[in-house]
Protein backbone atom coordinates (compact mmCIF):
# COMPACT_ATOMS: atom_id res chain seq x y z
CA UNK A 1 19.42 -76.15 -15.49
CA UNK A 2 23.02 -76.18 -14.45
CA UNK A 3 24.11 -73.96 -11.70
CA UNK A 4 27.62 -72.83 -10.82
CA UNK A 5 28.75 -71.70 -7.39
CA UNK A 6 31.08 -68.78 -7.38
CA UNK A 7 33.62 -68.38 -4.63
CA UNK A 8 31.53 -65.41 -3.28
CA UNK A 9 28.55 -67.75 -2.83
CA UNK A 10 26.62 -66.21 -5.71
CA UNK A 11 24.60 -68.65 -7.90
CA UNK A 12 24.97 -68.06 -11.61
CA UNK A 13 22.67 -69.72 -14.23
CA UNK A 14 24.23 -70.53 -17.53
CA UNK A 15 22.69 -69.29 -20.77
CA UNK A 16 20.72 -71.69 -22.89
CA UNK A 17 23.14 -71.20 -25.75
CA UNK A 18 26.35 -69.30 -26.39
CA UNK A 19 26.14 -65.43 -26.41
CA UNK A 20 27.04 -65.21 -30.08
CA UNK A 21 23.70 -66.77 -30.89
CA UNK A 22 21.89 -64.02 -29.11
CA UNK A 23 23.74 -61.54 -31.29
CA UNK A 24 22.90 -63.55 -34.49
CA UNK A 25 19.21 -63.72 -33.53
CA UNK A 26 19.11 -59.97 -32.83
CA UNK A 27 20.79 -59.18 -36.21
CA UNK A 28 18.19 -61.49 -37.87
CA UNK A 29 15.33 -59.66 -36.20
CA UNK A 30 16.63 -56.25 -37.11
CA UNK A 31 17.28 -57.47 -40.68
CA UNK A 32 13.71 -58.62 -41.01
CA UNK A 33 12.38 -55.27 -39.62
CA UNK A 34 14.72 -53.43 -42.14
CA UNK A 35 13.11 -55.41 -44.92
CA UNK A 36 9.70 -54.48 -43.80
CA UNK A 37 10.64 -50.73 -43.66
CA UNK A 38 12.37 -50.99 -46.97
CA UNK A 39 9.25 -52.51 -48.59
CA UNK A 40 7.39 -49.19 -47.88
CA UNK A 41 10.01 -47.01 -49.64
CA UNK A 42 7.88 -46.18 -52.65
CA UNK A 43 4.38 -45.98 -51.17
CA UNK A 44 4.15 -42.19 -51.39
CA UNK A 45 5.03 -42.27 -55.13
CA UNK A 46 2.10 -44.55 -56.00
CA UNK A 47 -0.25 -41.69 -55.84
CA UNK A 48 1.62 -38.83 -57.47
CA UNK A 49 -1.57 -36.90 -58.19
CA UNK A 50 -1.81 -36.32 -54.39
CA UNK A 51 1.67 -34.95 -54.13
CA UNK A 52 2.32 -32.91 -57.32
CA UNK A 53 1.04 -29.53 -56.22
CA UNK A 54 -2.61 -29.78 -57.05
CA UNK A 55 -4.95 -27.44 -55.17
CA UNK A 56 -6.38 -29.02 -52.07
CA UNK A 57 -9.87 -30.35 -52.58
CA UNK A 58 -12.78 -30.03 -50.19
CA UNK A 59 -13.74 -33.24 -48.48
CA UNK A 60 -11.97 -36.39 -47.20
CA UNK A 61 -10.14 -37.39 -50.41
């Protein structure tokens, strides 16, 4: 790794790639997570008989 010496004597390590790439990777990760969340948008409507005001049944289901 390349190290730079600052006038104060502090050692600073350079990043492995420019900061904009960190932002792009983060946006990509959040975009992928948004797609996962978006894919579950209609799950509750797949079982309408469970959500349309039927009387609660005894038992597990």
